[in-house]
Structures are given as C-alpha cells and as structure tokens.
C-alpha cells in the first residue's frame, strides 16, 4: 500500500491556533435529531486563513487573483519536503542555498522546528515561529518555484509579514500555510492540495495530502 500523509491540521474550537485578532472557529449544530429534527445540520464560521489554507495573491496584492482562480497545475503534482528542523531562526536565502534543493523542485514544503508544536497538539499561538525572509522568497521565485508550503500559520515572520508575502504572491506563487509535517520524512511526494472554491476570496481552507510516489523518479 502506498503511504499517504494527511498534512492538514484538525479544525475545532480550542484545538487550532488562530492569528491574533482573527475570529475563533465556530462549529454549531442548529438542527438536532435529539430535538425532533429529521437530520443534524451544523453551521461553520471562521477566518478564510484558518487552519491549513492557501493564500491567494489578493491577500497582499490589491488587484491580485482570488482563491477560485488559482491554477490547478500548481496545486497538484510532485513536491519536496525539505527538513530544516535544525534552523533556529528564520529561513534565509543562505539557508536555502545550503539546503541543496533539487534543481527541478517546483513545489517545496518546509518542515521546521514549528512542526514540534503540531506533534505536541499545542493550540497556543507562538509568535516566534520559523518563517521565510524576503530574500528567501526572492530566491525561490528566481528558482521558478510555483508553490511554497510552511508548517505554521504564516509564510512570513510575525513582525514583518508584508515583504515575504508580496514577493511570493506578486509572482503568483501559491502559498500553503499551517501544514502539519511533524510525521512526514524529508523527500519527494505527490501533492494534492484542494482549497475551497471561495469566489473573490483572499484565501481558502484546504485539505492537503502527500503520497509517496508509486514508481521511481524518471
């Protein structure tokens, strides 16, 4: 059987960290069978950047494309998980140079020290998470990377979120945030990222799966 990793984080009130100032998730059953209704029906509410999600260019580019228009060929296909758990600060261009990414890598997911928080099921927000600096984002764009995934709530540092986001999104690089890579070894995978088709949105929750390739790399 081919190994499949679900790298999406569970969404439940009190179980998933949220960005400071964003609304907490709400999951509430408003029709209940125990109250005589023929079916159970619930409502869900929360930020479009809650849990595992994609950033559309519109998130930081005023007239950028929105979530429903992201290209499928960027969201599906070969991806590399890169283990940077040894990095103490942020991921810089120098860190990426030393990481020796395969030259053909067009989808890259970064596993960092952040993943330990998912392994511990820690619902607190940690502002000291590892992220990509602006020069790292520019390095990835220059390499032709089309999709970047990170294992915490933002691809950019907490105290300087704009430059990294704008560098990636202006180049229409798909950004996946809040991945749980704690159980995923470094290596090559088949990626399937399925964001909700939210028309006009700056982001969308997504289910993200990684599958070990069933045949050797050609």
N, C-alpha and C. Protein backbone atom coordinates (compact mmCIF):
# COMPACT_ATOMS: atom_id res chain seq x y z
N UNK A 1 0.85 -1.20 0.00
CA UNK A 1 0.00 0.00 0.00
C UNK A 1 0.88 1.24 0.00
N UNK A 2 0.54 2.21 -0.81
CA UNK A 2 1.30 3.45 -0.90
C UNK A 2 0.98 4.33 0.31
N UNK A 3 2.01 4.84 0.97
CA UNK A 3 1.81 5.68 2.16
C UNK A 3 1.24 7.03 1.76
N UNK A 4 0.21 7.46 2.50
CA UNK A 4 -0.41 8.76 2.30
C UNK A 4 -0.39 9.51 3.63
N UNK A 5 0.05 10.75 3.59
CA UNK A 5 0.07 11.61 4.78
C UNK A 5 -0.97 12.71 4.60
N UNK A 6 -1.88 12.81 5.56
CA UNK A 6 -2.79 13.96 5.61
C UNK A 6 -2.09 15.03 6.43
N UNK A 7 -1.64 16.09 5.79
CA UNK A 7 -0.87 17.13 6.48
C UNK A 7 -1.72 18.36 6.79
N UNK A 8 -3.04 18.17 6.78
CA UNK A 8 -3.98 19.22 7.17
C UNK A 8 -4.18 19.16 8.68
N UNK A 9 -4.27 20.31 9.33
CA UNK A 9 -4.49 20.32 10.78
C UNK A 9 -5.98 20.23 11.07
N UNK A 10 -6.36 19.55 12.16
CA UNK A 10 -7.78 19.50 12.53
C UNK A 10 -8.30 20.89 12.92
N UNK A 11 -9.52 21.18 12.51
CA UNK A 11 -10.15 22.45 12.87
C UNK A 11 -11.26 22.18 13.87
N UNK A 12 -11.08 22.73 15.06
CA UNK A 12 -12.09 22.61 16.11
C UNK A 12 -11.87 23.74 17.10
N UNK A 13 -12.93 24.30 17.64
CA UNK A 13 -12.77 25.37 18.63
C UNK A 13 -11.85 24.93 19.76
N UNK A 14 -10.85 25.75 20.06
CA UNK A 14 -9.92 25.45 21.14
C UNK A 14 -8.80 24.50 20.79
N UNK A 15 -8.81 23.94 19.57
CA UNK A 15 -7.79 22.96 19.20
C UNK A 15 -6.82 23.46 18.15
N UNK A 16 -7.16 24.55 17.49
CA UNK A 16 -6.29 25.07 16.43
C UNK A 16 -5.91 26.50 16.77
N UNK A 17 -4.61 26.85 16.68
CA UNK A 17 -4.24 28.24 16.94
C UNK A 17 -4.76 29.17 15.86
N UNK A 18 -5.09 30.38 16.25
CA UNK A 18 -5.55 31.39 15.29
C UNK A 18 -4.64 32.59 15.37
N UNK A 19 -4.53 33.30 14.24
CA UNK A 19 -3.72 34.51 14.18
C UNK A 19 -4.32 35.55 15.13
N UNK A 20 -3.48 36.27 15.89
CA UNK A 20 -4.02 37.28 16.82
C UNK A 20 -4.96 38.26 16.12
N UNK A 21 -6.15 38.39 16.67
CA UNK A 21 -7.15 39.29 16.11
C UNK A 21 -8.14 38.61 15.19
N UNK A 22 -7.81 37.41 14.69
CA UNK A 22 -8.74 36.68 13.84
C UNK A 22 -9.81 36.00 14.69
N UNK A 23 -11.01 35.77 14.13
CA UNK A 23 -12.06 35.11 14.91
C UNK A 23 -11.75 33.65 15.15
N UNK A 24 -12.17 33.17 16.30
CA UNK A 24 -12.06 31.74 16.61
C UNK A 24 -13.05 30.96 15.74
N UNK A 25 -12.73 29.71 15.42
CA UNK A 25 -13.69 28.92 14.64
C UNK A 25 -14.95 28.62 15.43
N UNK A 26 -16.05 28.54 14.71
CA UNK A 26 -17.34 28.20 15.31
C UNK A 26 -17.91 27.00 14.57
N UNK A 27 -18.28 25.97 15.29
CA UNK A 27 -18.97 24.81 14.73
C UNK A 27 -20.14 24.51 15.64
N UNK A 28 -21.34 24.78 15.13
CA UNK A 28 -22.53 24.73 15.98
C UNK A 28 -23.65 23.99 15.25
N UNK A 29 -24.23 23.02 15.92
CA UNK A 29 -25.36 22.28 15.37
C UNK A 29 -26.65 23.04 15.67
N UNK A 30 -27.36 23.46 14.62
CA UNK A 30 -28.59 24.22 14.83
C UNK A 30 -29.85 23.42 14.54
N UNK A 31 -29.72 22.30 13.86
CA UNK A 31 -30.82 21.33 13.77
C UNK A 31 -30.34 20.03 14.39
N UNK A 32 -31.12 19.51 15.34
CA UNK A 32 -30.67 18.36 16.12
C UNK A 32 -31.72 17.25 16.10
N UNK A 33 -31.27 16.06 15.78
CA UNK A 33 -32.19 14.92 15.75
C UNK A 33 -32.78 14.64 17.13
N UNK A 34 -31.96 14.88 18.18
CA UNK A 34 -32.47 14.61 19.53
C UNK A 34 -33.57 15.59 19.94
N UNK A 35 -33.73 16.66 19.14
CA UNK A 35 -34.81 17.62 19.39
C UNK A 35 -35.96 17.45 18.41
N UNK A 36 -35.94 16.34 17.70
CA UNK A 36 -37.05 16.02 16.80
C UNK A 36 -36.84 16.36 15.35
N UNK A 37 -35.69 16.92 14.99
CA UNK A 37 -35.42 17.23 13.59
C UNK A 37 -35.08 15.94 12.82
N UNK A 38 -35.37 15.90 11.53
CA UNK A 38 -35.11 14.68 10.75
C UNK A 38 -33.62 14.45 10.47
N UNK A 39 -32.78 15.48 10.68
CA UNK A 39 -31.35 15.35 10.41
C UNK A 39 -30.58 16.33 11.29
N UNK A 40 -29.31 16.06 11.46
CA UNK A 40 -28.41 17.00 12.12
C UNK A 40 -27.81 17.93 11.07
N UNK A 41 -27.86 19.24 11.34
CA UNK A 41 -27.29 20.23 10.43
C UNK A 41 -26.52 21.25 11.26
N UNK A 42 -25.29 21.55 10.83
CA UNK A 42 -24.45 22.47 11.58
C UNK A 42 -24.04 23.65 10.72
N UNK A 43 -23.65 24.72 11.39
CA UNK A 43 -23.06 25.87 10.70
C UNK A 43 -21.61 26.00 11.13
N UNK A 44 -20.80 26.53 10.20
CA UNK A 44 -19.38 26.71 10.48
C UNK A 44 -19.00 28.15 10.19
N UNK A 45 -18.14 28.71 11.02
CA UNK A 45 -17.67 30.07 10.79
C UNK A 45 -16.22 30.21 11.20
N UNK A 46 -15.52 31.12 10.53
CA UNK A 46 -14.12 31.36 10.86
C UNK A 46 -13.44 32.15 9.76
N UNK A 47 -12.20 32.51 9.99
CA UNK A 47 -11.41 33.23 9.01
C UNK A 47 -11.06 32.31 7.84
N UNK A 48 -10.94 32.87 6.63
CA UNK A 48 -10.56 32.04 5.49
C UNK A 48 -9.11 31.59 5.57
N UNK A 49 -8.35 32.18 6.49
CA UNK A 49 -6.97 31.78 6.72
C UNK A 49 -6.84 30.92 7.98
N UNK A 50 -7.91 30.22 8.31
CA UNK A 50 -7.93 29.34 9.48
C UNK A 50 -7.39 27.96 9.12
N UNK A 51 -6.61 27.39 10.02
CA UNK A 51 -6.11 26.04 9.80
C UNK A 51 -5.27 25.96 8.53
N UNK A 52 -5.20 24.78 7.95
CA UNK A 52 -4.46 24.61 6.70
C UNK A 52 -5.20 25.34 5.59
N UNK A 53 -4.50 26.22 4.89
CA UNK A 53 -5.18 27.07 3.90
C UNK A 53 -4.18 27.57 2.87
N UNK A 54 -4.72 28.09 1.80
CA UNK A 54 -3.89 28.74 0.79
C UNK A 54 -4.09 30.26 0.88
N UNK A 55 -3.01 30.96 0.53
CA UNK A 55 -3.11 32.41 0.33
C UNK A 55 -3.24 32.66 -1.16
N UNK A 56 -4.26 33.40 -1.55
CA UNK A 56 -4.36 33.88 -2.92
C UNK A 56 -3.60 35.20 -3.04
N UNK A 57 -3.15 35.58 -4.24
CA UNK A 57 -2.47 36.87 -4.38
C UNK A 57 -3.24 38.05 -3.82
N UNK A 58 -4.58 37.99 -3.88
CA UNK A 58 -5.40 39.10 -3.37
C UNK A 58 -5.15 39.37 -1.87
N UNK A 59 -4.54 38.42 -1.16
CA UNK A 59 -4.27 38.60 0.26
C UNK A 59 -3.37 39.81 0.53
N UNK A 60 -2.37 40.03 -0.35
CA UNK A 60 -1.46 41.15 -0.17
C UNK A 60 -1.30 42.00 -1.43
N UNK A 61 -1.95 41.60 -2.53
CA UNK A 61 -1.89 42.37 -3.78
C UNK A 61 -3.31 42.87 -4.05
N UNK A 62 -3.51 44.19 -4.07
CA UNK A 62 -4.85 44.77 -4.08
C UNK A 62 -5.71 44.25 -5.23
N UNK A 63 -5.14 44.09 -6.42
CA UNK A 63 -5.91 43.63 -7.57
C UNK A 63 -5.47 42.23 -8.02
N UNK A 64 -4.89 41.47 -7.11
CA UNK A 64 -4.38 40.14 -7.45
C UNK A 64 -5.49 39.11 -7.63
N UNK A 65 -5.17 37.97 -8.26
CA UNK A 65 -6.15 36.90 -8.43
C UNK A 65 -6.68 36.40 -7.10
N UNK A 66 -7.90 35.90 -7.11
CA UNK A 66 -8.54 35.40 -5.90
C UNK A 66 -8.55 33.88 -5.88
N UNK A 67 -9.03 33.33 -4.77
CA UNK A 67 -8.83 31.92 -4.47
C UNK A 67 -9.35 30.97 -5.54
N UNK A 68 -10.48 31.30 -6.14
CA UNK A 68 -11.09 30.36 -7.09
C UNK A 68 -10.32 30.28 -8.40
N UNK A 69 -9.38 31.19 -8.63
CA UNK A 69 -8.68 31.24 -9.92
C UNK A 69 -7.27 30.66 -9.86
N UNK A 70 -6.89 30.08 -8.74
CA UNK A 70 -5.54 29.52 -8.64
C UNK A 70 -5.38 28.36 -9.63
N UNK A 71 -4.22 28.25 -10.26
CA UNK A 71 -4.03 27.21 -11.29
C UNK A 71 -3.89 25.82 -10.68
N UNK A 72 -4.66 24.88 -11.22
CA UNK A 72 -4.62 23.51 -10.71
C UNK A 72 -3.26 22.86 -10.91
N UNK A 73 -2.56 23.23 -11.97
CA UNK A 73 -1.27 22.57 -12.21
C UNK A 73 -0.22 22.96 -11.17
N UNK A 74 -0.47 24.02 -10.41
CA UNK A 74 0.42 24.34 -9.29
C UNK A 74 0.04 23.57 -8.03
N UNK A 75 -1.24 23.23 -7.89
CA UNK A 75 -1.76 22.61 -6.67
C UNK A 75 -1.64 21.09 -6.66
N UNK A 76 -1.36 20.51 -7.79
CA UNK A 76 -1.26 19.05 -7.92
C UNK A 76 0.07 18.68 -8.56
N UNK A 77 0.77 17.71 -7.98
CA UNK A 77 1.99 17.24 -8.63
C UNK A 77 3.12 16.99 -7.66
N UNK A 78 4.28 16.83 -8.22
CA UNK A 78 5.48 16.47 -7.48
C UNK A 78 5.89 17.59 -6.52
N UNK A 79 6.20 17.21 -5.28
CA UNK A 79 6.61 18.19 -4.28
C UNK A 79 7.72 17.60 -3.42
N UNK A 80 8.52 18.49 -2.87
CA UNK A 80 9.62 18.08 -1.98
C UNK A 80 9.37 18.61 -0.58
N UNK A 81 9.48 17.72 0.43
CA UNK A 81 9.51 18.14 1.82
C UNK A 81 10.98 18.31 2.20
N UNK A 82 11.32 19.51 2.65
CA UNK A 82 12.70 19.84 2.99
C UNK A 82 12.80 19.99 4.51
N UNK A 83 13.67 19.20 5.13
CA UNK A 83 13.82 19.21 6.58
C UNK A 83 14.79 20.32 6.99
N UNK A 84 14.23 21.35 7.63
CA UNK A 84 15.04 22.45 8.15
C UNK A 84 14.83 22.58 9.66
N UNK A 85 14.59 21.46 10.32
CA UNK A 85 14.32 21.49 11.76
C UNK A 85 15.53 21.95 12.56
N UNK A 86 16.70 21.93 11.95
CA UNK A 86 17.91 22.38 12.64
C UNK A 86 18.05 23.91 12.64
N UNK A 87 17.25 24.60 11.85
CA UNK A 87 17.36 26.06 11.74
C UNK A 87 16.72 26.71 12.96
N UNK A 88 17.48 27.55 13.66
CA UNK A 88 16.98 28.19 14.88
C UNK A 88 16.20 29.46 14.59
N UNK A 89 16.66 30.26 13.64
CA UNK A 89 15.97 31.50 13.32
C UNK A 89 15.07 31.31 12.11
N UNK A 90 15.01 32.34 11.26
CA UNK A 90 14.19 32.26 10.06
C UNK A 90 14.96 31.63 8.90
N UNK A 91 14.22 31.25 7.88
CA UNK A 91 14.81 30.66 6.67
C UNK A 91 15.22 31.79 5.75
N UNK A 92 16.50 31.92 5.51
CA UNK A 92 17.05 32.96 4.64
C UNK A 92 17.48 32.35 3.31
N UNK A 93 17.88 33.21 2.38
CA UNK A 93 18.41 32.73 1.11
C UNK A 93 19.64 31.87 1.34
N UNK A 94 20.47 32.25 2.31
CA UNK A 94 21.67 31.46 2.61
C UNK A 94 21.30 30.06 3.11
N UNK A 95 20.26 29.97 3.92
CA UNK A 95 19.80 28.66 4.39
C UNK A 95 19.35 27.81 3.21
N UNK A 96 18.63 28.41 2.27
CA UNK A 96 18.14 27.67 1.11
C UNK A 96 19.30 27.23 0.21
N UNK A 97 20.30 28.07 0.05
CA UNK A 97 21.47 27.68 -0.74
C UNK A 97 22.13 26.44 -0.14
N UNK A 98 22.20 26.40 1.18
CA UNK A 98 22.84 25.27 1.87
C UNK A 98 21.97 24.02 1.87
N UNK A 99 20.67 24.19 1.65
CA UNK A 99 19.74 23.05 1.72
C UNK A 99 19.82 22.15 0.51
N UNK A 100 20.44 22.61 -0.56
CA UNK A 100 20.63 21.81 -1.77
C UNK A 100 19.31 21.25 -2.30
N UNK A 101 18.35 22.14 -2.55
CA UNK A 101 17.10 21.71 -3.16
C UNK A 101 17.36 21.14 -4.55
N UNK A 102 16.64 20.11 -4.93
CA UNK A 102 16.79 19.60 -6.30
C UNK A 102 16.48 20.70 -7.31
N UNK A 103 17.25 20.82 -8.36
CA UNK A 103 17.02 21.92 -9.32
C UNK A 103 15.65 21.86 -9.99
N UNK A 104 15.04 20.66 -10.05
CA UNK A 104 13.74 20.52 -10.69
C UNK A 104 12.57 20.79 -9.73
N UNK A 105 12.84 21.08 -8.47
CA UNK A 105 11.78 21.28 -7.48
C UNK A 105 10.97 22.53 -7.80
N UNK A 106 9.67 22.35 -8.02
CA UNK A 106 8.77 23.47 -8.28
C UNK A 106 7.73 23.64 -7.18
N UNK A 107 7.60 22.63 -6.32
CA UNK A 107 6.72 22.71 -5.16
C UNK A 107 7.55 22.27 -3.96
N UNK A 108 7.66 23.15 -2.97
CA UNK A 108 8.55 22.91 -1.84
C UNK A 108 7.80 23.16 -0.54
N UNK A 109 7.87 22.19 0.37
CA UNK A 109 7.25 22.30 1.68
C UNK A 109 8.35 22.26 2.74
N UNK A 110 8.35 23.24 3.62
CA UNK A 110 9.42 23.36 4.61
C UNK A 110 8.98 22.83 5.96
N UNK A 111 9.70 21.80 6.41
CA UNK A 111 9.50 21.24 7.75
C UNK A 111 10.53 21.87 8.68
N UNK A 112 10.04 22.57 9.71
CA UNK A 112 10.92 23.30 10.60
C UNK A 112 10.64 22.89 12.06
N UNK A 113 11.29 23.60 12.97
CA UNK A 113 11.03 23.36 14.39
C UNK A 113 9.57 23.62 14.76
N UNK A 114 8.82 24.35 13.90
CA UNK A 114 7.40 24.58 14.16
C UNK A 114 6.62 23.29 14.28
N UNK A 115 7.03 22.27 13.54
CA UNK A 115 6.27 21.01 13.50
C UNK A 115 6.17 20.34 14.86
N UNK A 116 7.11 20.65 15.77
CA UNK A 116 7.04 20.07 17.12
C UNK A 116 5.77 20.51 17.84
N UNK A 117 5.27 21.71 17.52
CA UNK A 117 4.04 22.17 18.17
C UNK A 117 2.83 21.35 17.71
N UNK A 118 2.81 20.94 16.44
CA UNK A 118 1.72 20.08 15.98
C UNK A 118 1.83 18.70 16.62
N UNK A 119 3.04 18.18 16.73
CA UNK A 119 3.22 16.87 17.35
C UNK A 119 2.74 16.88 18.80
N UNK A 120 2.93 18.01 19.48
CA UNK A 120 2.50 18.15 20.87
C UNK A 120 1.04 18.56 21.01
N UNK A 121 0.35 18.78 19.87
CA UNK A 121 -1.04 19.23 19.87
C UNK A 121 -1.21 20.51 20.70
N UNK A 122 -0.31 21.44 20.47
CA UNK A 122 -0.28 22.69 21.21
C UNK A 122 -1.17 23.72 20.51
N UNK A 123 -2.29 24.14 21.12
CA UNK A 123 -3.21 25.07 20.45
C UNK A 123 -2.85 26.54 20.62
N UNK A 124 -1.77 26.84 21.34
CA UNK A 124 -1.41 28.23 21.57
C UNK A 124 -0.76 28.83 20.31
N UNK A 125 -0.88 30.15 20.17
CA UNK A 125 -0.18 30.83 19.09
C UNK A 125 1.23 31.18 19.54
N UNK A 126 2.21 30.84 18.71
CA UNK A 126 3.62 31.09 19.02
C UNK A 126 4.17 32.14 18.04
N UNK A 127 4.36 33.38 18.47
CA UNK A 127 4.84 34.41 17.54
C UNK A 127 6.29 34.22 17.12
N UNK A 128 7.03 33.34 17.80
CA UNK A 128 8.44 33.12 17.47
C UNK A 128 8.63 31.98 16.48
N UNK A 129 7.63 31.69 15.67
CA UNK A 129 7.72 30.61 14.70
C UNK A 129 8.78 30.91 13.64
N UNK A 130 9.26 29.85 13.00
CA UNK A 130 10.20 29.98 11.89
C UNK A 130 9.45 30.27 10.61
N UNK A 131 9.94 31.23 9.82
CA UNK A 131 9.28 31.64 8.58
C UNK A 131 10.34 31.96 7.53
N UNK A 132 9.88 32.38 6.37
CA UNK A 132 10.78 32.75 5.27
C UNK A 132 11.02 34.25 5.28
N UNK A 133 12.27 34.65 5.15
CA UNK A 133 12.59 36.06 5.00
C UNK A 133 12.32 36.48 3.55
N UNK A 134 12.32 37.79 3.33
CA UNK A 134 12.05 38.31 1.98
C UNK A 134 13.10 37.84 0.98
N UNK A 135 14.36 37.75 1.41
CA UNK A 135 15.39 37.31 0.45
C UNK A 135 15.24 35.83 0.12
N UNK A 136 14.73 35.04 1.07
CA UNK A 136 14.43 33.64 0.79
C UNK A 136 13.29 33.53 -0.23
N UNK A 137 12.27 34.37 -0.07
CA UNK A 137 11.16 34.37 -1.02
C UNK A 137 11.65 34.73 -2.42
N UNK A 138 12.52 35.73 -2.51
CA UNK A 138 13.06 36.13 -3.81
C UNK A 138 13.90 35.01 -4.42
N UNK A 139 14.64 34.30 -3.59
CA UNK A 139 15.44 33.17 -4.05
C UNK A 139 14.56 32.09 -4.67
N UNK A 140 13.43 31.79 -4.02
CA UNK A 140 12.51 30.78 -4.53
C UNK A 140 11.87 31.22 -5.84
N UNK A 141 11.48 32.48 -5.92
CA UNK A 141 10.89 33.00 -7.16
C UNK A 141 11.90 32.89 -8.30
N UNK A 142 13.15 33.26 -8.04
CA UNK A 142 14.19 33.19 -9.07
C UNK A 142 14.45 31.76 -9.52
N UNK A 143 14.21 30.79 -8.64
CA UNK A 143 14.39 29.38 -8.98
C UNK A 143 13.21 28.80 -9.75
N UNK A 144 12.15 29.56 -9.91
CA UNK A 144 10.98 29.07 -10.63
C UNK A 144 10.04 28.23 -9.80
N UNK A 145 10.13 28.33 -8.47
CA UNK A 145 9.23 27.59 -7.59
C UNK A 145 7.81 28.14 -7.74
N UNK A 146 6.83 27.26 -7.84
CA UNK A 146 5.43 27.67 -8.08
C UNK A 146 4.55 27.51 -6.85
N UNK A 147 5.00 26.74 -5.87
CA UNK A 147 4.21 26.52 -4.67
C UNK A 147 5.16 26.37 -3.48
N UNK A 148 4.82 27.07 -2.39
CA UNK A 148 5.60 27.01 -1.17
C UNK A 148 4.66 26.67 -0.03
N UNK A 149 5.04 25.70 0.80
CA UNK A 149 4.25 25.34 1.96
C UNK A 149 5.07 25.46 3.23
N UNK A 150 4.44 25.91 4.31
CA UNK A 150 5.12 26.07 5.59
C UNK A 150 4.30 25.42 6.70
N UNK A 151 5.00 25.09 7.79
CA UNK A 151 4.37 24.33 8.87
C UNK A 151 3.93 25.21 10.04
N UNK A 152 3.57 26.47 9.75
CA UNK A 152 2.92 27.28 10.76
C UNK A 152 1.97 28.26 10.08
N UNK A 153 1.43 29.20 10.84
CA UNK A 153 0.30 29.99 10.36
C UNK A 153 0.65 30.99 9.28
N UNK A 154 1.93 31.31 9.13
CA UNK A 154 2.30 32.30 8.12
C UNK A 154 3.63 31.92 7.48
N UNK A 155 3.74 32.23 6.20
CA UNK A 155 4.99 32.03 5.48
C UNK A 155 6.01 33.10 5.84
N UNK A 156 5.54 34.20 6.43
CA UNK A 156 6.38 35.36 6.72
C UNK A 156 6.55 35.54 8.23
N UNK A 157 7.63 36.19 8.64
CA UNK A 157 7.83 36.45 10.07
C UNK A 157 6.69 37.26 10.68
N UNK A 158 6.42 37.00 11.94
CA UNK A 158 5.31 37.65 12.64
C UNK A 158 5.45 39.17 12.64
N UNK A 159 6.68 39.66 12.84
CA UNK A 159 6.87 41.10 12.95
C UNK A 159 7.15 41.80 11.63
N UNK A 160 7.13 41.06 10.52
CA UNK A 160 7.40 41.67 9.21
C UNK A 160 6.71 40.85 8.11
N UNK A 161 5.38 40.83 8.09
CA UNK A 161 4.67 39.90 7.20
C UNK A 161 4.58 40.33 5.74
N UNK A 162 4.77 41.61 5.44
CA UNK A 162 4.45 42.09 4.10
C UNK A 162 5.47 41.68 3.03
N UNK A 163 6.79 41.92 3.21
CA UNK A 163 7.72 41.68 2.10
C UNK A 163 7.73 40.25 1.58
N UNK A 164 7.75 39.27 2.46
CA UNK A 164 7.77 37.88 2.02
C UNK A 164 6.51 37.53 1.24
N UNK A 165 5.35 37.90 1.81
CA UNK A 165 4.08 37.62 1.13
C UNK A 165 4.04 38.27 -0.25
N UNK A 166 4.39 39.55 -0.32
CA UNK A 166 4.27 40.26 -1.59
C UNK A 166 5.23 39.70 -2.63
N UNK A 167 6.42 39.33 -2.22
CA UNK A 167 7.39 38.76 -3.17
C UNK A 167 6.84 37.48 -3.79
N UNK A 168 6.29 36.61 -2.97
CA UNK A 168 5.75 35.34 -3.47
C UNK A 168 4.45 35.54 -4.25
N UNK A 169 3.52 36.29 -3.68
CA UNK A 169 2.20 36.42 -4.29
C UNK A 169 2.23 37.26 -5.56
N UNK A 170 3.11 38.25 -5.62
CA UNK A 170 3.23 39.04 -6.85
C UNK A 170 3.72 38.18 -8.01
N UNK A 171 4.49 37.14 -7.69
CA UNK A 171 4.96 36.19 -8.72
C UNK A 171 3.97 35.06 -8.93
N UNK A 172 2.79 35.14 -8.25
CA UNK A 172 1.72 34.13 -8.33
C UNK A 172 2.21 32.76 -7.89
N UNK A 173 3.10 32.76 -6.89
CA UNK A 173 3.48 31.52 -6.22
C UNK A 173 2.36 31.17 -5.24
N UNK A 174 1.85 29.95 -5.31
CA UNK A 174 0.82 29.51 -4.38
C UNK A 174 1.46 29.29 -3.02
N UNK A 175 0.84 29.83 -1.98
CA UNK A 175 1.34 29.68 -0.61
C UNK A 175 0.37 28.82 0.18
N UNK A 176 0.87 27.74 0.75
CA UNK A 176 0.09 26.91 1.67
C UNK A 176 0.65 27.13 3.07
N UNK A 177 -0.23 27.49 4.00
CA UNK A 177 0.19 27.73 5.38
C UNK A 177 -0.51 26.77 6.33
N UNK A 178 0.12 26.58 7.49
CA UNK A 178 -0.41 25.74 8.57
C UNK A 178 -0.47 24.27 8.17
N UNK A 179 0.63 23.75 7.67
CA UNK A 179 0.75 22.33 7.38
C UNK A 179 1.30 21.61 8.60
N UNK A 180 0.81 20.41 8.85
CA UNK A 180 1.37 19.56 9.90
C UNK A 180 2.31 18.55 9.24
N UNK A 181 3.60 18.85 9.29
CA UNK A 181 4.61 17.98 8.68
C UNK A 181 5.36 17.18 9.73
N UNK A 182 4.83 17.12 10.94
CA UNK A 182 5.57 16.51 12.06
C UNK A 182 5.88 15.04 11.83
N UNK A 183 5.03 14.33 11.10
CA UNK A 183 5.25 12.89 10.88
C UNK A 183 5.77 12.57 9.49
N UNK A 184 6.12 13.58 8.73
CA UNK A 184 6.50 13.38 7.32
C UNK A 184 8.02 13.45 7.16
N UNK A 185 8.65 12.38 6.71
CA UNK A 185 10.09 12.44 6.45
C UNK A 185 10.39 13.32 5.24
N UNK A 186 11.59 13.87 5.22
CA UNK A 186 12.02 14.64 4.06
C UNK A 186 12.03 13.75 2.83
N UNK A 187 11.77 14.34 1.67
CA UNK A 187 11.81 13.58 0.43
C UNK A 187 10.81 14.06 -0.58
N UNK A 188 10.65 13.27 -1.64
CA UNK A 188 9.78 13.62 -2.76
C UNK A 188 8.42 12.94 -2.60
N UNK A 189 7.36 13.68 -2.89
CA UNK A 189 5.99 13.19 -2.74
C UNK A 189 5.14 13.66 -3.91
N UNK A 190 3.96 13.07 -4.02
CA UNK A 190 2.91 13.60 -4.88
C UNK A 190 1.98 14.43 -4.00
N UNK A 191 1.80 15.68 -4.36
CA UNK A 191 1.00 16.63 -3.58
C UNK A 191 -0.39 16.76 -4.18
N UNK A 192 -1.39 16.78 -3.31
CA UNK A 192 -2.76 17.11 -3.70
C UNK A 192 -3.27 18.15 -2.72
N UNK A 193 -3.46 19.38 -3.20
CA UNK A 193 -3.97 20.48 -2.38
C UNK A 193 -5.31 20.92 -2.95
N UNK A 194 -6.37 20.81 -2.15
CA UNK A 194 -7.73 21.10 -2.61
C UNK A 194 -8.34 22.23 -1.77
N UNK A 195 -8.12 23.48 -2.18
CA UNK A 195 -8.75 24.60 -1.46
C UNK A 195 -10.22 24.74 -1.83
N UNK A 196 -11.00 25.24 -0.89
CA UNK A 196 -12.41 25.53 -1.19
C UNK A 196 -12.50 26.58 -2.29
N UNK A 197 -13.50 26.46 -3.12
CA UNK A 197 -13.68 27.37 -4.25
C UNK A 197 -14.47 28.59 -3.80
N UNK A 198 -13.80 29.44 -3.01
CA UNK A 198 -14.43 30.64 -2.47
C UNK A 198 -14.22 31.79 -3.44
N UNK A 199 -15.26 32.19 -4.13
CA UNK A 199 -15.16 33.18 -5.18
C UNK A 199 -14.86 34.56 -4.59
N UNK A 200 -13.82 35.19 -5.09
CA UNK A 200 -13.46 36.53 -4.66
C UNK A 200 -12.67 36.60 -3.37
N UNK A 201 -12.27 35.45 -2.83
CA UNK A 201 -11.62 35.44 -1.52
C UNK A 201 -10.11 35.58 -1.63
N UNK A 202 -9.51 36.13 -0.56
CA UNK A 202 -8.06 36.27 -0.48
C UNK A 202 -7.37 35.02 0.05
N UNK A 203 -8.14 34.02 0.42
CA UNK A 203 -7.60 32.76 0.89
C UNK A 203 -8.70 31.73 0.97
N UNK A 204 -8.32 30.48 1.27
CA UNK A 204 -9.33 29.43 1.38
C UNK A 204 -8.77 28.25 2.16
N UNK A 205 -9.55 27.69 3.10
CA UNK A 205 -9.13 26.46 3.76
C UNK A 205 -8.91 25.36 2.73
N UNK A 206 -7.99 24.44 3.05
CA UNK A 206 -7.63 23.40 2.09
C UNK A 206 -7.39 22.08 2.81
N UNK A 207 -7.65 21.00 2.09
CA UNK A 207 -7.22 19.67 2.53
C UNK A 207 -5.99 19.33 1.70
N UNK A 208 -4.91 18.95 2.38
CA UNK A 208 -3.65 18.71 1.70
C UNK A 208 -3.15 17.31 2.03
N UNK A 209 -2.88 16.53 0.98
CA UNK A 209 -2.38 15.18 1.12
C UNK A 209 -1.04 15.05 0.42
N UNK A 210 -0.17 14.23 1.01
CA UNK A 210 1.10 13.87 0.40
C UNK A 210 1.14 12.36 0.24
N UNK A 211 1.51 11.90 -0.94
CA UNK A 211 1.59 10.46 -1.20
C UNK A 211 2.99 10.13 -1.68
N UNK A 212 3.57 9.08 -1.12
CA UNK A 212 4.84 8.62 -1.64
C UNK A 212 4.69 8.19 -3.08
N UNK A 213 5.58 8.57 -3.96
CA UNK A 213 5.47 8.17 -5.36
C UNK A 213 5.43 6.65 -5.48
N UNK A 214 4.56 6.17 -6.37
CA UNK A 214 4.41 4.73 -6.55
C UNK A 214 5.44 4.14 -7.48
N UNK A 215 6.19 4.99 -8.16
CA UNK A 215 7.23 4.48 -9.07
C UNK A 215 8.46 5.36 -8.94
N UNK A 216 9.64 4.84 -9.25
CA UNK A 216 10.86 5.63 -9.13
C UNK A 216 10.82 6.86 -10.03
N UNK A 217 11.56 7.87 -9.60
CA UNK A 217 11.67 9.10 -10.39
C UNK A 217 12.34 8.80 -11.71
N UNK A 218 11.74 9.32 -12.79
CA UNK A 218 12.31 9.10 -14.12
C UNK A 218 13.35 10.16 -14.43
